[in-house]
Amino acid sequence: MSEDKFEKTKDTVLSHVQNLFEELEQEMAVSHQEKYALLEDAFENASDHDELRVAFEQWFTEHADELNLDYADADELWAEAIGEDVSLDKDKEEDEEDYEEEDDFTDNSSKEEEF
C-alpha cells in the first residue's frame, strides 16, 4: 500500500510543478506580447530611420531588464536586427582604444630630469 501512496505523491507533486511552469510560461508569453506591442506602437509614431532608432533605444532602455535580453545594449540588438556585423565594429573600436592607450604611455626612461 505504501508503494501506491509513493506513486500518488510523486505524480501529484510532478503535476503541480508542471502546472506552475505552464502558468509561468503563459504569463511570460503575455508579457512578451505586451512588450512587442509597445515597440510596434513606438515605431508607428516614427517618421524616419533616426526616429525609429530613437524609439527602439527608448523601448530597449525601458524593457530590456524585464525581458532578460542577452544584449549589452540597444546598439548590439539593433545591429543584429538590421544585419550589421557588430563583432567587426566592436573589434575596430577596441583596436582604436588600444592604439590610443599606447600613445598615453611613452617611454621617458631615456630622458634625464633636470633640477
N, C-alpha and C. Protein backbone atom coordinates (compact mmCIF):
# COMPACT_ATOMS: atom_id res chain seq x y z
N MET A 1 0.81 -1.18 0.00
CA MET A 1 0.00 0.00 0.00
C MET A 1 0.86 1.26 0.00
N SER A 2 2.00 1.23 0.67
CA SER A 2 2.86 2.42 0.71
C SER A 2 3.44 2.73 -0.66
N GLU A 3 3.56 1.72 -1.54
CA GLU A 3 4.03 1.94 -2.90
C GLU A 3 3.02 2.79 -3.67
N ASP A 4 1.74 2.54 -3.47
CA ASP A 4 0.70 3.33 -4.13
C ASP A 4 0.74 4.78 -3.65
N LYS A 5 0.93 4.95 -2.35
CA LYS A 5 0.99 6.31 -1.79
C LYS A 5 2.22 7.05 -2.33
N PHE A 6 3.33 6.34 -2.45
CA PHE A 6 4.55 6.92 -3.01
C PHE A 6 4.32 7.41 -4.43
N GLU A 7 3.75 6.54 -5.28
CA GLU A 7 3.48 6.88 -6.68
C GLU A 7 2.49 8.03 -6.78
N LYS A 8 1.46 8.00 -5.94
CA LYS A 8 0.45 9.07 -5.98
C LYS A 8 1.07 10.40 -5.56
N THR A 9 1.90 10.39 -4.54
CA THR A 9 2.56 11.61 -4.07
C THR A 9 3.50 12.15 -5.15
N LYS A 10 4.28 11.26 -5.73
CA LYS A 10 5.20 11.65 -6.79
C LYS A 10 4.43 12.28 -7.96
N ASP A 11 3.38 11.62 -8.40
CA ASP A 11 2.59 12.14 -9.52
C ASP A 11 1.93 13.46 -9.18
N THR A 12 1.45 13.61 -7.97
CA THR A 12 0.78 14.84 -7.54
C THR A 12 1.76 16.01 -7.53
N VAL A 13 2.95 15.80 -7.00
CA VAL A 13 3.96 16.87 -6.95
C VAL A 13 4.42 17.23 -8.36
N LEU A 14 4.71 16.23 -9.18
CA LEU A 14 5.13 16.49 -10.55
C LEU A 14 4.06 17.25 -11.32
N SER A 15 2.83 16.87 -11.16
CA SER A 15 1.72 17.54 -11.84
C SER A 15 1.59 18.99 -11.38
N HIS A 16 1.73 19.20 -10.09
CA HIS A 16 1.64 20.56 -9.55
C HIS A 16 2.75 21.45 -10.11
N VAL A 17 3.96 20.95 -10.12
CA VAL A 17 5.10 21.72 -10.64
C VAL A 17 4.92 21.97 -12.14
N GLN A 18 4.45 20.99 -12.87
CA GLN A 18 4.21 21.17 -14.30
C GLN A 18 3.17 22.26 -14.52
N ASN A 19 2.13 22.28 -13.74
CA ASN A 19 1.10 23.33 -13.85
C ASN A 19 1.68 24.71 -13.54
N LEU A 20 2.54 24.79 -12.54
CA LEU A 20 3.20 26.06 -12.22
C LEU A 20 4.03 26.57 -13.40
N PHE A 21 4.80 25.65 -14.00
CA PHE A 21 5.63 26.03 -15.15
C PHE A 21 4.76 26.49 -16.32
N GLU A 22 3.66 25.82 -16.55
CA GLU A 22 2.77 26.22 -17.64
C GLU A 22 2.19 27.62 -17.39
N GLU A 23 1.84 27.91 -16.15
CA GLU A 23 1.33 29.24 -15.81
C GLU A 23 2.40 30.30 -16.02
N LEU A 24 3.64 29.99 -15.59
CA LEU A 24 4.75 30.92 -15.79
C LEU A 24 5.01 31.17 -17.26
N GLU A 25 4.98 30.11 -18.06
CA GLU A 25 5.19 30.25 -19.50
C GLU A 25 4.11 31.12 -20.13
N GLN A 26 2.86 30.93 -19.70
CA GLN A 26 1.76 31.72 -20.23
C GLN A 26 1.92 33.19 -19.85
N GLU A 27 2.28 33.45 -18.59
CA GLU A 27 2.50 34.83 -18.14
C GLU A 27 3.65 35.48 -18.92
N MET A 28 4.70 34.72 -19.16
CA MET A 28 5.85 35.24 -19.89
C MET A 28 5.45 35.55 -21.33
N ALA A 29 4.68 34.67 -21.93
CA ALA A 29 4.23 34.89 -23.31
C ALA A 29 3.38 36.15 -23.41
N VAL A 30 2.49 36.35 -22.47
CA VAL A 30 1.65 37.55 -22.46
C VAL A 30 2.52 38.80 -22.26
N SER A 31 3.48 38.73 -21.37
CA SER A 31 4.38 39.86 -21.13
C SER A 31 5.18 40.20 -22.38
N HIS A 32 5.68 39.18 -23.06
CA HIS A 32 6.45 39.41 -24.29
C HIS A 32 5.57 40.01 -25.38
N GLN A 33 4.33 39.56 -25.47
CA GLN A 33 3.41 40.12 -26.45
C GLN A 33 3.14 41.60 -26.15
N GLU A 34 3.00 41.92 -24.87
CA GLU A 34 2.77 43.32 -24.48
C GLU A 34 3.97 44.19 -24.82
N LYS A 35 5.16 43.69 -24.54
CA LYS A 35 6.38 44.46 -24.84
C LYS A 35 6.54 44.65 -26.35
N TYR A 36 6.22 43.63 -27.11
CA TYR A 36 6.29 43.72 -28.56
C TYR A 36 5.28 44.75 -29.08
N ALA A 37 4.08 44.75 -28.52
CA ALA A 37 3.06 45.72 -28.92
C ALA A 37 3.51 47.15 -28.60
N LEU A 38 4.20 47.32 -27.48
CA LEU A 38 4.72 48.64 -27.13
C LEU A 38 5.76 49.11 -28.15
N LEU A 39 6.60 48.18 -28.60
CA LEU A 39 7.59 48.53 -29.63
C LEU A 39 6.90 48.87 -30.94
N GLU A 40 5.89 48.09 -31.30
CA GLU A 40 5.14 48.41 -32.52
C GLU A 40 4.52 49.80 -32.44
N ASP A 41 3.93 50.13 -31.28
CA ASP A 41 3.33 51.46 -31.10
C ASP A 41 4.38 52.56 -31.21
N ALA A 42 5.53 52.34 -30.61
CA ALA A 42 6.61 53.33 -30.68
C ALA A 42 7.05 53.53 -32.13
N PHE A 43 7.12 52.45 -32.89
CA PHE A 43 7.52 52.55 -34.30
C PHE A 43 6.45 53.26 -35.14
N GLU A 44 5.20 53.11 -34.77
CA GLU A 44 4.12 53.78 -35.51
C GLU A 44 4.25 55.29 -35.45
N ASN A 45 4.81 55.80 -34.37
CA ASN A 45 4.95 57.25 -34.20
C ASN A 45 6.20 57.79 -34.88
N ALA A 46 7.07 56.92 -35.35
CA ALA A 46 8.31 57.35 -36.01
C ALA A 46 8.03 57.66 -37.48
N SER A 47 8.74 58.67 -38.00
CA SER A 47 8.53 59.05 -39.40
C SER A 47 9.76 58.85 -40.27
N ASP A 48 10.91 58.52 -39.64
CA ASP A 48 12.11 58.26 -40.43
C ASP A 48 13.02 57.30 -39.68
N HIS A 49 14.12 56.96 -40.32
CA HIS A 49 15.07 55.97 -39.76
C HIS A 49 15.60 56.41 -38.39
N ASP A 50 15.97 57.67 -38.26
CA ASP A 50 16.52 58.16 -36.99
C ASP A 50 15.49 58.06 -35.86
N GLU A 51 14.24 58.38 -36.18
CA GLU A 51 13.20 58.28 -35.16
C GLU A 51 12.92 56.83 -34.79
N LEU A 52 13.02 55.93 -35.77
CA LEU A 52 12.90 54.50 -35.45
C LEU A 52 13.97 54.09 -34.45
N ARG A 53 15.19 54.54 -34.72
CA ARG A 53 16.32 54.19 -33.85
C ARG A 53 16.11 54.74 -32.44
N VAL A 54 15.67 55.98 -32.33
CA VAL A 54 15.42 56.59 -31.02
C VAL A 54 14.31 55.84 -30.29
N ALA A 55 13.23 55.53 -31.01
CA ALA A 55 12.12 54.79 -30.40
C ALA A 55 12.59 53.43 -29.91
N PHE A 56 13.43 52.75 -30.71
CA PHE A 56 13.95 51.44 -30.33
C PHE A 56 14.83 51.55 -29.08
N GLU A 57 15.70 52.54 -29.05
CA GLU A 57 16.58 52.71 -27.90
C GLU A 57 15.80 53.00 -26.63
N GLN A 58 14.75 53.81 -26.73
CA GLN A 58 13.91 54.09 -25.57
C GLN A 58 13.20 52.83 -25.11
N TRP A 59 12.64 52.08 -26.07
CA TRP A 59 11.97 50.84 -25.73
C TRP A 59 12.95 49.86 -25.06
N PHE A 60 14.13 49.73 -25.62
CA PHE A 60 15.13 48.82 -25.07
C PHE A 60 15.49 49.23 -23.64
N THR A 61 15.72 50.51 -23.43
CA THR A 61 16.08 51.01 -22.11
C THR A 61 15.00 50.71 -21.08
N GLU A 62 13.76 50.87 -21.49
CA GLU A 62 12.64 50.67 -20.57
C GLU A 62 12.36 49.20 -20.27
N HIS A 63 12.65 48.29 -21.21
CA HIS A 63 12.17 46.92 -21.07
C HIS A 63 13.23 45.83 -21.09
N ALA A 64 14.45 46.14 -21.38
CA ALA A 64 15.49 45.11 -21.52
C ALA A 64 15.68 44.29 -20.24
N ASP A 65 15.67 44.96 -19.10
CA ASP A 65 15.87 44.23 -17.85
C ASP A 65 14.75 43.23 -17.59
N GLU A 66 13.51 43.66 -17.84
CA GLU A 66 12.37 42.77 -17.63
C GLU A 66 12.40 41.57 -18.57
N LEU A 67 12.88 41.80 -19.78
CA LEU A 67 12.89 40.74 -20.78
C LEU A 67 14.12 39.84 -20.69
N ASN A 68 15.08 40.24 -19.87
CA ASN A 68 16.32 39.46 -19.72
C ASN A 68 16.98 39.19 -21.06
N LEU A 69 17.09 40.23 -21.87
CA LEU A 69 17.74 40.10 -23.16
C LEU A 69 19.24 39.96 -22.98
N ASP A 70 19.84 39.11 -23.76
CA ASP A 70 21.28 38.86 -23.66
C ASP A 70 22.07 39.78 -24.59
N TYR A 71 21.77 41.06 -24.50
CA TYR A 71 22.47 42.06 -25.31
C TYR A 71 23.02 43.12 -24.38
N ALA A 72 24.24 43.54 -24.65
CA ALA A 72 24.88 44.54 -23.81
C ALA A 72 24.16 45.87 -23.87
N ASP A 73 23.67 46.21 -25.05
CA ASP A 73 22.99 47.49 -25.20
C ASP A 73 22.09 47.45 -26.43
N ALA A 74 21.34 48.52 -26.62
CA ALA A 74 20.41 48.61 -27.74
C ALA A 74 21.15 48.55 -29.07
N ASP A 75 22.34 49.12 -29.13
CA ASP A 75 23.12 49.13 -30.37
C ASP A 75 23.38 47.71 -30.88
N GLU A 76 23.71 46.83 -29.97
CA GLU A 76 24.03 45.46 -30.36
C GLU A 76 22.81 44.75 -30.94
N LEU A 77 21.65 44.89 -30.28
CA LEU A 77 20.43 44.26 -30.78
C LEU A 77 19.97 44.91 -32.08
N TRP A 78 20.07 46.24 -32.17
CA TRP A 78 19.69 46.96 -33.39
C TRP A 78 20.53 46.46 -34.57
N ALA A 79 21.83 46.40 -34.36
CA ALA A 79 22.73 45.97 -35.43
C ALA A 79 22.42 44.56 -35.88
N GLU A 80 22.17 43.68 -34.94
CA GLU A 80 21.84 42.29 -35.29
C GLU A 80 20.53 42.25 -36.07
N ALA A 81 19.56 43.04 -35.65
CA ALA A 81 18.24 43.03 -36.29
C ALA A 81 18.31 43.50 -37.73
N ILE A 82 19.16 44.48 -38.01
CA ILE A 82 19.23 45.00 -39.38
C ILE A 82 20.36 44.37 -40.18
N GLY A 83 21.05 43.41 -39.57
CA GLY A 83 22.03 42.62 -40.31
C GLY A 83 23.43 43.19 -40.34
N GLU A 84 23.74 44.11 -39.44
CA GLU A 84 25.11 44.61 -39.35
C GLU A 84 25.95 43.64 -38.54
N ASP A 85 27.23 43.58 -38.86
CA ASP A 85 28.15 42.72 -38.12
C ASP A 85 28.73 43.51 -36.96
N VAL A 86 28.14 43.34 -35.78
CA VAL A 86 28.56 44.09 -34.60
C VAL A 86 29.96 43.70 -34.17
N SER A 87 30.34 42.44 -34.33
CA SER A 87 31.66 41.99 -33.86
C SER A 87 32.77 42.73 -34.57
N LEU A 88 32.62 43.01 -35.86
CA LEU A 88 33.65 43.74 -36.58
C LEU A 88 33.74 45.17 -36.08
N ASP A 89 32.60 45.81 -35.84
CA ASP A 89 32.59 47.18 -35.32
C ASP A 89 33.23 47.24 -33.94
N LYS A 90 32.90 46.28 -33.08
CA LYS A 90 33.46 46.29 -31.73
C LYS A 90 34.96 46.03 -31.76
N ASP A 91 35.42 45.11 -32.64
CA ASP A 91 36.85 44.85 -32.77
C ASP A 91 37.58 46.10 -33.23
N LYS A 92 37.00 46.83 -34.16
CA LYS A 92 37.60 48.06 -34.66
C LYS A 92 37.70 49.09 -33.54
N GLU A 93 36.62 49.23 -32.74
CA GLU A 93 36.63 50.18 -31.63
C GLU A 93 37.71 49.79 -30.61
N GLU A 94 37.82 48.49 -30.29
CA GLU A 94 38.81 48.03 -29.33
C GLU A 94 40.22 48.29 -29.84
N ASP A 95 40.46 48.06 -31.13
CA ASP A 95 41.78 48.34 -31.71
C ASP A 95 42.12 49.82 -31.61
N GLU A 96 41.13 50.67 -31.87
CA GLU A 96 41.36 52.11 -31.77
C GLU A 96 41.67 52.52 -30.33
N GLU A 97 40.95 51.92 -29.37
CA GLU A 97 41.20 52.21 -27.95
C GLU A 97 42.59 51.76 -27.54
N ASP A 98 42.99 50.55 -27.99
CA ASP A 98 44.32 50.06 -27.68
C ASP A 98 45.39 51.00 -28.22
N TYR A 99 45.20 51.49 -29.43
CA TYR A 99 46.16 52.40 -30.05
C TYR A 99 46.25 53.69 -29.24
N GLU A 100 45.10 54.21 -28.80
CA GLU A 100 45.10 55.44 -28.01
C GLU A 100 45.81 55.23 -26.67
N GLU A 101 45.61 54.06 -26.05
CA GLU A 101 46.26 53.77 -24.78
C GLU A 101 47.77 53.70 -24.95
N GLU A 102 48.24 53.15 -26.05
CA GLU A 102 49.67 53.06 -26.30
C GLU A 102 50.29 54.45 -26.39
N ASP A 103 49.58 55.39 -26.96
CA ASP A 103 50.07 56.76 -27.06
C ASP A 103 50.20 57.41 -25.69
N ASP A 104 49.35 57.00 -24.74
CA ASP A 104 49.37 57.59 -23.41
C ASP A 104 50.61 57.17 -22.61
N PHE A 105 51.17 56.02 -22.95
CA PHE A 105 52.31 55.50 -22.20
C PHE A 105 53.57 55.61 -23.06
N THR A 106 54.26 56.69 -22.92
CA THR A 106 55.51 56.85 -23.67
C THR A 106 56.67 56.53 -22.75
N ASP A 107 57.76 56.13 -23.33
CA ASP A 107 58.94 55.76 -22.58
C ASP A 107 59.78 57.00 -22.30
N ASN A 108 59.76 57.42 -21.05
CA ASN A 108 60.53 58.59 -20.64
C ASN A 108 61.80 58.20 -19.90
N SER A 109 62.17 56.92 -19.92
CA SER A 109 63.33 56.47 -19.14
C SER A 109 64.64 57.01 -19.71
N SER A 110 64.68 57.32 -20.97
CA SER A 110 65.95 57.79 -21.55
C SER A 110 66.15 59.29 -21.35
N LYS A 111 65.10 59.98 -20.94
CA LYS A 111 65.23 61.41 -20.72
C LYS A 111 65.77 61.66 -19.31
N GLU A 112 66.70 62.59 -19.23
CA GLU A 112 67.23 62.92 -17.92
C GLU A 112 66.44 64.09 -17.36
N GLU A 113 66.15 63.98 -16.06
CA GLU A 113 65.43 65.07 -15.43
C GLU A 113 66.42 66.13 -15.00
N GLU A 114 66.12 67.36 -15.28
CA GLU A 114 66.98 68.47 -14.86
C GLU A 114 66.38 69.14 -13.66
N PHE A 115 67.23 69.48 -12.69
CA PHE A 115 66.76 70.16 -11.50
C PHE A 115 67.26 71.55 -11.46
